Amino acid sequence: MSRFWPALVAVLALGWMAFIFDWPVVLAALAEIRPCPLLPVIALLGLGIYCCCALRWIAINQLPWRLDVFRDVQAYVAVTIAIGIATPMQAGEALKLKFARDAGLPLGASAVNLALERLIDLAILVGFTIGGLVHMFRYPVWLAVMAALVPFLAGLALPDLGQRWARAWPRLARWVGAPLTASALAIVAFASLGKWIFTLASWLAVLGAVGPMPDVGQAMLLIGAVTTVSILSAVPAGLGVQELSARALLTAMDRTPAEAEIGALALRLLLPMMLAVGFAHVPLLWRRRSPHG
């Protein structure tokens, strides 16, 4: 039964969407979206996301800072993230381990570092959600910022704490790479923030193109809550789940039901654009040279 759960959730979500969305109004509004400059802006922001992910992977695995290394890592990170976007719980991103192994990285250390990346992203999403909620309840901006930073800083401590804990167990020690240097940890921090700042900008760009643009606090809450719900649903790309959760939150942000539905469906434009930018890196995979490490 568990293997059919994502399909069941997707069918129910899509069925509910078909029933409650005002499709003539929504489709008419989406047809009026001007592709230029929206699509080029989204593509550039998507490229920025992939670049930040590549920089973080280089830093967390402590690879050499060389242009050829960045080119190779950028290629396989972008492609695997694109695959991950369209798979349940973004599991397809685990293909990154295959490319990392082919590049000469230890499989165990790469697996640990991939898990740490996911935990850092989860910490940022939790921070976005808490910070957005604090902002929504009209608390001071500085308090919302602090509320968002606390989970992020806790997430940054995970690589060091995780490595220290693993080294205390002989069976786990061989799976752990070298301790992160201060500079590597700083790059992981800035690259992680950069990834989600570019994501925040892309959501704001899409929502601003189809209706009232939410403020930064509202967008943080949207990204944090909607992304988390979509991932936990295990539905590939959060199909249906993302739209319903975005509609509910936008309605709670004083949007009319029609505005909320238009915004929720407009956000789906980000999926094909991120896939297109990610898979545009496929030719670079064929140009990869000798392993590095």
Protein backbone atom coordinates (compact mmCIF):
# COMPACT_ATOMS: atom_id res chain seq x y z
CA MET A 1 0.00 0.00 0.00
CA SER A 2 2.80 2.41 0.90
CA ARG A 3 4.22 2.35 -2.62
CA PHE A 4 0.86 3.52 -4.00
CA TRP A 5 0.57 6.32 -1.46
CA PRO A 6 2.12 9.08 -3.62
CA ALA A 7 -0.12 8.16 -6.58
CA LEU A 8 -3.21 8.16 -4.35
CA VAL A 9 -2.30 11.56 -2.86
CA ALA A 10 -1.67 13.00 -6.33
CA VAL A 11 -5.01 11.71 -7.68
CA LEU A 12 -6.91 13.12 -4.70
CA ALA A 13 -5.10 16.46 -4.87
CA LEU A 14 -5.63 16.84 -8.61
CA GLY A 15 -9.27 15.81 -8.27
CA TRP A 16 -9.84 18.42 -5.57
CA MET A 17 -8.09 21.03 -7.73
CA ALA A 18 -10.34 20.20 -10.67
CA PHE A 19 -13.38 20.67 -8.43
CA ILE A 20 -12.57 23.92 -6.58
CA PHE A 21 -10.43 25.95 -9.02
CA ASP A 22 -12.19 28.52 -11.18
CA TRP A 23 -10.54 27.25 -14.36
CA PRO A 24 -11.91 29.75 -16.94
CA VAL A 25 -10.68 32.69 -14.86
CA VAL A 26 -7.36 31.05 -13.97
CA LEU A 27 -6.51 29.95 -17.52
CA ALA A 28 -7.47 33.34 -18.95
CA ALA A 29 -5.14 35.06 -16.48
CA LEU A 30 -2.26 32.66 -17.13
CA ALA A 31 -2.65 33.17 -20.90
CA GLU A 32 -1.89 36.87 -20.38
CA ILE A 33 1.53 36.25 -18.81
CA ARG A 34 4.26 37.88 -20.88
CA PRO A 35 7.08 35.36 -21.44
CA CYS A 36 9.62 38.13 -21.73
CA PRO A 37 11.24 39.14 -19.44
CA LEU A 38 9.78 36.62 -16.96
CA LEU A 39 11.19 33.41 -18.48
CA PRO A 40 14.75 34.74 -18.99
CA VAL A 41 14.74 36.07 -15.42
CA ILE A 42 13.60 32.69 -14.07
CA ALA A 43 16.24 30.93 -16.18
CA LEU A 44 19.00 33.16 -14.79
CA LEU A 45 17.78 32.67 -11.24
CA GLY A 46 17.66 28.91 -11.86
CA LEU A 47 21.24 29.00 -13.09
CA GLY A 48 22.16 30.88 -9.92
CA ILE A 49 20.53 28.14 -7.84
CA TYR A 50 22.51 25.43 -9.61
CA CYS A 51 25.75 27.41 -9.27
CA CYS A 52 25.20 27.75 -5.51
CA CYS A 53 24.50 24.02 -5.24
CA ALA A 54 27.72 23.26 -7.11
CA LEU A 55 29.76 25.58 -4.89
CA ARG A 56 28.27 23.96 -1.79
CA TRP A 57 29.06 20.46 -3.07
CA ILE A 58 32.65 21.45 -3.78
CA ALA A 59 33.02 23.03 -0.34
CA ILE A 60 31.35 20.26 1.68
CA ASN A 61 33.46 17.61 -0.09
CA GLN A 62 36.55 19.87 0.05
CA LEU A 63 37.35 19.46 -3.63
CA PRO A 64 40.06 21.56 -5.32
CA TRP A 65 38.97 25.08 -6.25
CA ARG A 66 39.70 24.84 -9.97
CA LEU A 67 37.66 25.87 -12.98
CA ASP A 68 37.59 22.36 -14.45
CA VAL A 69 36.37 20.94 -11.13
CA PHE A 70 33.62 23.54 -10.92
CA ARG A 71 32.58 22.82 -14.52
CA ASP A 72 32.29 19.09 -13.89
CA VAL A 73 30.51 19.48 -10.55
CA GLN A 74 28.15 22.12 -11.96
CA ALA A 75 27.18 19.72 -14.75
CA TYR A 76 26.34 16.66 -12.68
CA VAL A 77 24.85 18.62 -9.78
CA ALA A 78 22.48 20.52 -12.10
CA VAL A 79 21.38 17.36 -13.93
CA THR A 80 20.82 15.32 -10.76
CA ILE A 81 18.90 18.12 -9.05
CA ALA A 82 16.69 18.42 -12.14
CA ILE A 83 16.02 14.68 -11.96
CA GLY A 84 15.42 14.97 -8.22
CA ILE A 85 12.80 17.69 -8.68
CA ALA A 86 10.61 15.26 -10.63
CA THR A 87 11.04 12.24 -8.30
CA PRO A 88 9.31 11.36 -4.99
CA MET A 89 10.91 13.19 -2.05
CA GLN A 90 13.58 14.36 -4.53
CA ALA A 91 15.17 10.92 -4.27
CA GLY A 92 16.59 11.20 -7.79
CA GLU A 93 19.19 13.59 -6.45
CA ALA A 94 20.95 10.52 -5.05
CA LEU A 95 22.31 10.04 -8.58
CA LYS A 96 24.78 12.68 -7.53
CA LEU A 97 26.57 9.92 -5.63
CA LYS A 98 27.20 7.96 -8.83
CA PHE A 99 28.77 10.94 -10.57
CA ALA A 100 30.75 11.79 -7.44
CA ARG A 101 32.10 8.24 -7.28
CA ASP A 102 33.04 8.37 -10.96
CA ALA A 103 34.90 11.60 -10.19
CA GLY A 104 36.98 9.82 -7.55
CA LEU A 105 35.11 10.79 -4.38
CA PRO A 106 34.61 8.15 -1.64
CA LEU A 107 31.04 6.88 -1.82
CA GLY A 108 30.53 6.82 1.95
CA ALA A 109 31.70 10.38 2.52
CA SER A 110 29.63 11.61 -0.44
CA ALA A 111 26.51 9.92 0.94
CA VAL A 112 27.05 11.52 4.35
CA ASN A 113 27.60 14.92 2.76
CA LEU A 114 24.48 14.57 0.62
CA ALA A 115 22.47 13.85 3.77
CA LEU A 116 24.03 16.88 5.46
CA GLU A 117 23.06 19.05 2.49
CA ARG A 118 19.46 17.90 2.78
CA LEU A 119 19.45 18.63 6.51
CA ILE A 120 20.82 22.13 5.93
CA ASP A 121 18.12 22.77 3.33
CA LEU A 122 15.49 21.47 5.74
CA ALA A 123 16.81 23.79 8.44
CA ILE A 124 16.50 26.75 6.05
CA LEU A 125 12.96 25.76 5.10
CA VAL A 126 12.02 25.52 8.77
CA GLY A 127 13.63 28.93 9.31
CA PHE A 128 11.72 30.42 6.38
CA THR A 129 8.45 29.02 7.74
CA ILE A 130 9.01 30.26 11.29
CA GLY A 131 10.30 33.65 10.14
CA GLY A 132 7.36 34.03 7.78
CA LEU A 133 4.87 33.16 10.53
CA VAL A 134 6.48 35.66 12.90
CA HIS A 135 6.22 38.29 10.17
CA MET A 136 2.58 37.38 9.45
CA PHE A 137 1.66 37.98 13.10
CA ARG A 138 3.04 41.54 12.83
CA TYR A 139 6.05 41.07 15.06
CA PRO A 140 9.12 43.28 14.41
CA VAL A 141 11.18 42.50 11.32
CA TRP A 142 14.32 41.86 13.38
CA LEU A 143 12.48 39.17 15.33
CA ALA A 144 11.36 37.46 12.12
CA VAL A 145 14.95 37.54 10.83
CA MET A 146 16.27 36.07 14.08
CA ALA A 147 13.58 33.40 14.06
CA ALA A 148 14.62 32.42 10.53
CA LEU A 149 18.35 32.40 11.34
CA VAL A 150 18.21 30.14 14.40
CA PRO A 151 17.28 26.93 12.51
CA PHE A 152 19.77 27.83 9.77
CA LEU A 153 22.63 28.25 12.22
CA ALA A 154 21.65 25.01 13.91
CA GLY A 155 21.70 23.32 10.51
CA LEU A 156 25.19 24.63 9.83
CA ALA A 157 26.41 22.98 13.00
CA LEU A 158 25.29 19.59 11.70
CA PRO A 159 28.30 18.87 9.44
CA ASP A 160 30.80 19.35 12.26
CA LEU A 161 28.66 17.64 14.92
CA GLY A 162 27.81 14.77 12.58
CA GLN A 163 31.45 14.16 11.70
CA ARG A 164 32.53 14.28 15.35
CA TRP A 165 29.80 11.84 16.33
CA ALA A 166 30.61 9.46 13.47
CA ARG A 167 34.31 9.41 14.30
CA ALA A 168 33.47 8.13 17.78
CA TRP A 169 32.17 4.94 16.16
CA PRO A 170 34.80 2.84 14.35
CA ARG A 171 32.25 1.40 11.92
CA LEU A 172 31.12 4.89 10.90
CA ALA A 173 34.49 6.64 10.92
CA ARG A 174 35.47 5.26 7.53
CA TRP A 175 32.37 6.86 5.99
CA VAL A 176 33.32 10.34 7.12
CA GLY A 177 35.58 12.69 5.21
CA ALA A 178 38.07 15.19 6.59
CA PRO A 179 36.73 17.79 9.04
CA LEU A 180 35.40 20.91 7.35
CA THR A 181 37.71 23.91 7.56
CA ALA A 182 36.31 27.27 8.64
CA SER A 183 36.53 28.59 5.08
CA ALA A 184 34.74 25.51 3.69
CA LEU A 185 31.97 25.87 6.27
CA ALA A 186 31.60 29.57 5.41
CA ILE A 187 31.22 28.72 1.72
CA VAL A 188 28.64 26.04 2.59
CA ALA A 189 26.73 28.68 4.58
CA PHE A 190 26.80 31.38 1.88
CA ALA A 191 26.06 28.92 -0.94
CA SER A 192 23.10 27.48 0.99
CA LEU A 193 21.71 30.95 1.65
CA GLY A 194 22.35 31.92 -1.96
CA LYS A 195 20.42 28.91 -3.22
CA TRP A 196 17.34 29.85 -1.25
CA ILE A 197 17.64 33.59 -1.89
CA PHE A 198 17.61 32.87 -5.63
CA THR A 199 14.63 30.57 -5.04
CA LEU A 200 12.88 33.33 -3.09
CA ALA A 201 13.52 35.77 -5.93
CA SER A 202 12.11 33.36 -8.51
CA TRP A 203 8.89 32.86 -6.52
CA LEU A 204 8.51 36.61 -6.10
CA ALA A 205 9.07 37.14 -9.83
CA VAL A 206 6.39 34.63 -10.79
CA LEU A 207 3.81 35.81 -8.26
CA GLY A 208 4.47 39.45 -9.14
CA ALA A 209 3.86 38.67 -12.82
CA VAL A 210 0.31 37.41 -12.23
CA GLY A 211 -1.00 39.51 -9.37
CA PRO A 212 -0.14 41.36 -6.16
CA MET A 213 3.45 40.62 -5.23
CA PRO A 214 3.76 39.23 -1.68
CA ASP A 215 6.30 40.79 0.61
CA VAL A 216 9.48 38.93 1.50
CA GLY A 217 8.06 37.54 4.75
CA GLN A 218 5.00 36.12 2.99
CA ALA A 219 7.19 34.62 0.27
CA MET A 220 9.42 33.00 2.90
CA LEU A 221 6.38 31.39 4.52
CA LEU A 222 5.14 30.20 1.13
CA ILE A 223 8.46 28.62 0.17
CA GLY A 224 9.06 27.05 3.57
CA ALA A 225 5.60 25.56 4.06
CA VAL A 226 4.74 24.65 0.46
CA THR A 227 8.12 23.06 -0.31
CA THR A 228 8.13 21.05 2.92
CA VAL A 229 4.58 19.77 2.39
CA SER A 230 5.34 18.90 -1.24
CA ILE A 231 8.47 16.93 -0.33
CA LEU A 232 6.85 15.08 2.57
CA SER A 233 3.87 14.11 0.41
CA ALA A 234 6.31 12.00 -1.70
CA VAL A 235 4.37 13.06 -4.80
CA PRO A 236 6.74 13.68 -7.73
CA ALA A 237 7.18 17.45 -8.09
CA GLY A 238 4.43 17.87 -5.50
CA LEU A 239 1.87 17.61 -8.29
CA GLY A 240 -1.44 18.91 -6.98
CA VAL A 241 -0.15 19.11 -3.40
CA GLN A 242 1.92 22.22 -4.15
CA GLU A 243 -0.99 23.98 -5.83
CA LEU A 244 -3.46 23.28 -3.04
CA SER A 245 -1.07 24.27 -0.25
CA ALA A 246 -0.03 27.45 -2.11
CA ARG A 247 -3.69 28.32 -2.70
CA ALA A 248 -4.50 27.87 0.99
CA LEU A 249 -1.61 30.07 2.11
CA LEU A 250 -2.23 32.78 -0.50
CA THR A 251 -5.88 32.88 0.54
CA ALA A 252 -4.77 33.30 4.15
CA MET A 253 -2.66 36.24 2.94
CA ASP A 254 -5.84 38.10 1.94
CA ARG A 255 -5.81 37.10 -1.72
CA THR A 256 -9.14 36.36 -3.36
CA PRO A 257 -9.67 32.68 -4.23
CA ALA A 258 -9.11 33.51 -7.92
CA GLU A 259 -5.87 35.39 -7.20
CA ALA A 260 -4.68 32.54 -4.99
CA GLU A 261 -5.43 29.95 -7.67
CA ILE A 262 -3.71 31.99 -10.38
CA GLY A 263 -0.64 32.42 -8.19
CA ALA A 264 -0.58 28.74 -7.22
CA LEU A 265 -0.69 27.57 -10.84
CA ALA A 266 1.79 30.24 -11.99
CA LEU A 267 4.33 28.82 -9.55
CA ARG A 268 4.16 25.58 -11.53
CA LEU A 269 5.96 27.45 -14.33
CA LEU A 270 9.11 27.16 -12.23
CA LEU A 271 9.20 23.38 -12.72
CA PRO A 272 9.69 23.26 -16.51
CA MET A 273 12.14 26.16 -16.35
CA MET A 274 14.26 24.49 -13.66
CA LEU A 275 14.17 21.22 -15.60
CA ALA A 276 15.18 22.99 -18.81
CA VAL A 277 18.09 24.81 -17.17
CA GLY A 278 19.20 21.65 -15.37
CA PHE A 279 19.09 19.38 -18.41
CA ALA A 280 20.84 22.03 -20.47
CA HIS A 281 23.96 20.90 -18.57
CA VAL A 282 23.76 17.38 -20.08
CA PRO A 283 26.24 18.17 -22.91
CA LEU A 284 28.80 19.16 -20.28
CA LEU A 285 28.62 15.67 -18.80
CA TRP A 286 30.03 14.21 -22.00
CA ARG A 287 32.99 16.57 -21.80
CA ARG A 288 34.06 15.54 -18.35
CA ARG A 289 37.71 14.60 -18.19
CA SER A 290 39.80 12.56 -15.77
CA PRO A 291 38.67 12.10 -12.17
CA HIS A 292 39.54 14.68 -9.59
CA GLY A 293 39.51 14.43 -5.84
